[in-house]
Amino acid sequence: MFENDQSETVTGPTPPPSRRLSASRRAVASMLLAIGLLTVGGVAVVSAASPAPTTAPGATAPAGGGNGGGGTAPNGANCPNM
């Protein structure tokens, strides 16, 4: 009936090799991660508290409306509200 009457044992897939770190490597990796995070956090704090002056949002626009109408002078832009 069947060409192969031999009984074969079917085994499952072999488990993947263990990729766990040893205790000393885990400690070194944790220390490097902690130092890196502290460094990045320190840079963020220094950047946020920097006394360097920043430009005001409207520093490039003239302070007074010099066109006599009290508004801004038309600059030739295609504005849908005009």
C-alpha atoms as a PDB file:
ATOM      1  CA  MET A   1       0.000   0.000   0.000  1.00  0.00           C
ATOM      2  CA  PHE A   2       2.552   2.591   1.072  1.00  0.00           C
ATOM      3  CA  GLU A   3       5.964   2.761  -0.501  1.00  0.00           C
ATOM      4  CA  ASN A   4       7.724   3.478   2.793  1.00  0.00           C
ATOM      5  CA  ASP A   5       6.490   1.347   5.613  1.00  0.00           C
ATOM      6  CA  GLN A   6       9.290   2.480   7.894  1.00  0.00           C
ATOM      7  CA  SER A   7       8.175   4.292  10.983  1.00  0.00           C
ATOM      8  CA  GLU A   8       9.922   7.623  11.339  1.00  0.00           C
ATOM      9  CA  THR A   9      10.051   9.614  14.502  1.00  0.00           C
ATOM     10  CA  VAL A  10       9.311  13.235  13.887  1.00  0.00           C
ATOM     11  CA  THR A  11      11.118  15.641  16.147  1.00  0.00           C
ATOM     12  CA  GLY A  12      10.120  19.229  16.672  1.00  0.00           C
ATOM     13  CA  PRO A  13      12.267  22.180  15.743  1.00  0.00           C
ATOM     14  CA  THR A  14      15.397  22.638  17.782  1.00  0.00           C
ATOM     15  CA  PRO A  15      15.153  25.387  20.368  1.00  0.00           C
ATOM     16  CA  PRO A  16      17.119  28.547  19.584  1.00  0.00           C
ATOM     17  CA  PRO A  17      20.390  28.986  21.463  1.00  0.00           C
ATOM     18  CA  SER A  18      20.235  30.961  24.668  1.00  0.00           C
ATOM     19  CA  ARG A  19      21.114  34.625  24.179  1.00  0.00           C
ATOM     20  CA  ARG A  20      21.289  35.639  27.811  1.00  0.00           C
ATOM     21  CA  LEU A  21      24.116  37.830  29.004  1.00  0.00           C
ATOM     22  CA  SER A  22      26.320  36.800  31.868  1.00  0.00           C
ATOM     23  CA  ALA A  23      25.993  38.689  35.135  1.00  0.00           C
ATOM     24  CA  SER A  24      29.136  40.763  34.570  1.00  0.00           C
ATOM     25  CA  ARG A  25      28.142  41.725  31.030  1.00  0.00           C
ATOM     26  CA  ARG A  26      24.659  42.623  32.210  1.00  0.00           C
ATOM     27  CA  ALA A  27      26.129  44.883  34.917  1.00  0.00           C
ATOM     28  CA  VAL A  28      28.419  46.605  32.397  1.00  0.00           C
ATOM     29  CA  ALA A  29      25.539  47.076  29.954  1.00  0.00           C
ATOM     30  CA  SER A  30      23.351  48.534  32.717  1.00  0.00           C
ATOM     31  CA  MET A  31      26.082  50.939  33.779  1.00  0.00           C
ATOM     32  CA  LEU A  32      26.667  52.106  30.199  1.00  0.00           C
ATOM     33  CA  LEU A  33      22.948  52.635  29.711  1.00  0.00           C
ATOM     34  CA  ALA A  34      22.689  54.595  32.962  1.00  0.00           C
ATOM     35  CA  ILE A  35      25.674  56.792  32.052  1.00  0.00           C
ATOM     36  CA  GLY A  36      24.245  57.430  28.591  1.00  0.00           C
ATOM     37  CA  LEU A  37      20.830  58.374  29.947  1.00  0.00           C
ATOM     38  CA  LEU A  38      22.342  60.685  32.561  1.00  0.00           C
ATOM     39  CA  THR A  39      24.456  62.343  29.894  1.00  0.00           C
ATOM     40  CA  VAL A  40      21.501  62.912  27.579  1.00  0.00           C
ATOM     41  CA  GLY A  41      19.397  64.191  30.475  1.00  0.00           C
ATOM     42  CA  GLY A  42      22.162  66.546  31.585  1.00  0.00           C
ATOM     43  CA  VAL A  43      22.512  67.965  28.098  1.00  0.00           C
ATOM     44  CA  ALA A  44      18.749  68.495  27.929  1.00  0.00           C
ATOM     45  CA  VAL A  45      18.711  70.327  31.267  1.00  0.00           C
ATOM     46  CA  VAL A  46      21.626  72.561  30.299  1.00  0.00           C
ATOM     47  CA  SER A  47      20.036  73.344  26.940  1.00  0.00           C
ATOM     48  CA  ALA A  48      16.692  74.192  28.538  1.00  0.00           C
ATOM     49  CA  ALA A  49      18.286  76.456  31.155  1.00  0.00           C
ATOM     50  CA  SER A  50      20.666  78.143  28.725  1.00  0.00           C
ATOM     51  CA  PRO A  51      20.896  81.917  29.284  1.00  0.00           C
ATOM     52  CA  ALA A  52      21.543  82.464  25.579  1.00  0.00           C
ATOM     53  CA  PRO A  53      19.141  85.104  24.274  1.00  0.00           C
ATOM     54  CA  THR A  54      16.569  84.073  21.759  1.00  0.00           C
ATOM     55  CA  THR A  55      14.920  86.311  19.231  1.00  0.00           C
ATOM     56  CA  ALA A  56      11.429  87.523  19.975  1.00  0.00           C
ATOM     57  CA  PRO A  57       8.690  86.045  17.771  1.00  0.00           C
ATOM     58  CA  GLY A  58       8.068  89.325  15.931  1.00  0.00           C
ATOM     59  CA  ALA A  59      11.595  90.745  16.013  1.00  0.00           C
ATOM     60  CA  THR A  60      11.862  91.072  12.247  1.00  0.00           C
ATOM     61  CA  ALA A  61       8.592  93.011  11.790  1.00  0.00           C
ATOM     62  CA  PRO A  62       8.633  96.787  12.306  1.00  0.00           C
ATOM     63  CA  ALA A  63       7.230  97.860  15.664  1.00  0.00           C
ATOM     64  CA  GLY A  64       5.028 100.682  14.364  1.00  0.00           C
ATOM     65  CA  GLY A  65       2.643 100.746  11.453  1.00  0.00           C
ATOM     66  CA  GLY A  66       4.505 103.242   9.254  1.00  0.00           C
ATOM     67  CA  ASN A  67       1.961 103.298   6.438  1.00  0.00           C
ATOM     68  CA  GLY A  68      -0.405 105.755   8.164  1.00  0.00           C
ATOM     69  CA  GLY A  69      -3.351 103.383   8.082  1.00  0.00           C
ATOM     70  CA  GLY A  70      -2.562 101.712  11.378  1.00  0.00           C
ATOM     71  CA  GLY A  71      -2.327  98.296   9.745  1.00  0.00           C
ATOM     72  CA  THR A  72       0.402  96.496   7.950  1.00  0.00           C
ATOM     73  CA  ALA A  73       1.448  97.524   4.473  1.00  0.00           C
ATOM     74  CA  PRO A  74       0.550  95.117   1.674  1.00  0.00           C
ATOM     75  CA  ASN A  75       3.579  93.151   0.606  1.00  0.00           C
ATOM     76  CA  GLY A  76       2.229  91.740  -2.648  1.00  0.00           C
ATOM     77  CA  ALA A  77       1.459  88.304  -1.183  1.00  0.00           C
ATOM     78  CA  ASN A  78      -1.645  86.480  -2.336  1.00  0.00           C
ATOM     79  CA  CYS A  79      -3.686  86.671   0.856  1.00  0.00           C
ATOM     80  CA  PRO A  80      -7.171  85.139   0.710  1.00  0.00           C
ATOM     81  CA  ASN A  81      -8.493  87.491   3.433  1.00  0.00           C
ATOM     82  CA  MET A  82      -7.944  90.671   1.405  1.00  0.00           C
END
